[in-house]
Amino acid sequence: MRSDQLTGDQLEALKAKVRPMLRYARGLQGRMEAEKFPPEDSVRLATIAAGDALQDLLTELHYLSVDPGSAGKPS
């Protein structure tokens, strides 16, 4: 199977699972910033990377769930 073979229901289910993880990662990042974690802190950097990866995943799932050219990637 390839990602372009996922059904609309499968894509929606994946997005529903990824969104809370992304919110958690971004919230954790915000709490680390508020607590003055140093910019070079390894856990802070990993948290940012995880949030970025989840955002990329959610974006790809979105592009797969809409008609080409309608909301994102060109047809």
Protein backbone atom coordinates (compact mmCIF):
# COMPACT_ATOMS: atom_id res chain seq x y z
CA MET A 1 0.00 0.00 0.00
CA ARG A 2 1.07 3.60 -0.62
CA SER A 3 -0.12 6.78 1.04
CA ASP A 4 -2.05 7.81 -2.07
CA GLN A 5 -4.13 4.65 -1.68
CA LEU A 6 -5.48 5.58 1.75
CA THR A 7 -9.22 6.14 1.87
CA GLY A 8 -10.81 9.35 3.05
CA ASP A 9 -11.89 7.64 6.26
CA GLN A 10 -8.37 6.36 6.89
CA LEU A 11 -6.91 9.82 6.30
CA GLU A 12 -9.42 11.41 8.67
CA ALA A 13 -8.65 8.80 11.33
CA LEU A 14 -4.92 9.47 11.00
CA LYS A 15 -5.41 13.23 11.21
CA ALA A 16 -7.56 12.78 14.32
CA LYS A 17 -4.70 10.88 16.00
CA VAL A 18 -1.92 13.25 14.89
CA ARG A 19 -3.63 16.54 15.88
CA PRO A 20 -3.56 15.92 19.66
CA MET A 21 0.06 14.79 19.47
CA LEU A 22 0.95 17.99 17.63
CA ARG A 23 -0.93 20.11 20.17
CA TYR A 24 0.90 18.34 22.99
CA ALA A 25 4.33 18.82 21.37
CA ARG A 26 3.69 22.52 20.71
CA GLY A 27 2.33 23.00 24.23
CA LEU A 28 5.37 21.30 25.70
CA GLN A 29 7.59 23.51 23.59
CA GLY A 30 5.80 26.57 24.93
CA ARG A 31 6.16 25.38 28.52
CA MET A 32 9.88 24.78 28.00
CA GLU A 33 10.27 28.29 26.62
CA ALA A 34 8.32 29.72 29.56
CA GLU A 35 10.56 27.80 31.97
CA LYS A 36 13.62 29.22 30.20
CA PHE A 37 15.07 25.95 28.91
CA PRO A 38 18.31 26.88 27.13
CA PRO A 39 18.01 27.03 23.32
CA GLU A 40 20.61 24.26 22.96
CA ASP A 41 18.93 21.88 25.47
CA SER A 42 18.72 18.45 23.85
CA VAL A 43 15.18 17.70 25.06
CA ARG A 44 13.94 21.12 23.93
CA LEU A 45 15.51 20.58 20.50
CA ALA A 46 13.98 17.10 20.24
CA THR A 47 10.58 18.50 21.22
CA ILE A 48 10.81 21.13 18.49
CA ALA A 49 11.87 18.50 15.95
CA ALA A 50 8.99 16.22 16.98
CA GLY A 51 6.50 19.07 16.61
CA ASP A 52 7.91 19.97 13.22
CA ALA A 53 7.70 16.34 12.06
CA LEU A 54 4.11 16.03 13.28
CA GLN A 55 3.22 19.28 11.49
CA ASP A 56 4.78 17.92 8.29
CA LEU A 57 2.83 14.68 8.67
CA LEU A 58 -0.45 16.51 9.26
CA THR A 59 0.21 18.69 6.22
CA GLU A 60 0.85 15.65 4.01
CA LEU A 61 -2.30 13.96 5.29
CA HIS A 62 -4.25 17.12 4.53
CA TYR A 63 -2.90 17.29 0.97
CA LEU A 64 -3.88 13.65 0.44
CA SER A 65 -7.40 14.28 1.73
CA VAL A 66 -8.35 17.10 -0.66
CA ASP A 67 -8.74 17.29 -4.41
CA PRO A 68 -5.49 18.26 -6.19
CA GLY A 69 -5.30 21.98 -6.78
CA SER A 70 -8.06 22.81 -4.29
CA ALA A 71 -6.17 23.36 -1.03
CA GLY A 72 -2.47 22.89 -1.20
CA LYS A 73 -0.42 20.96 -3.71
CA PRO A 74 -1.06 21.85 -7.33
CA SER A 75 -2.71 19.29 -9.57
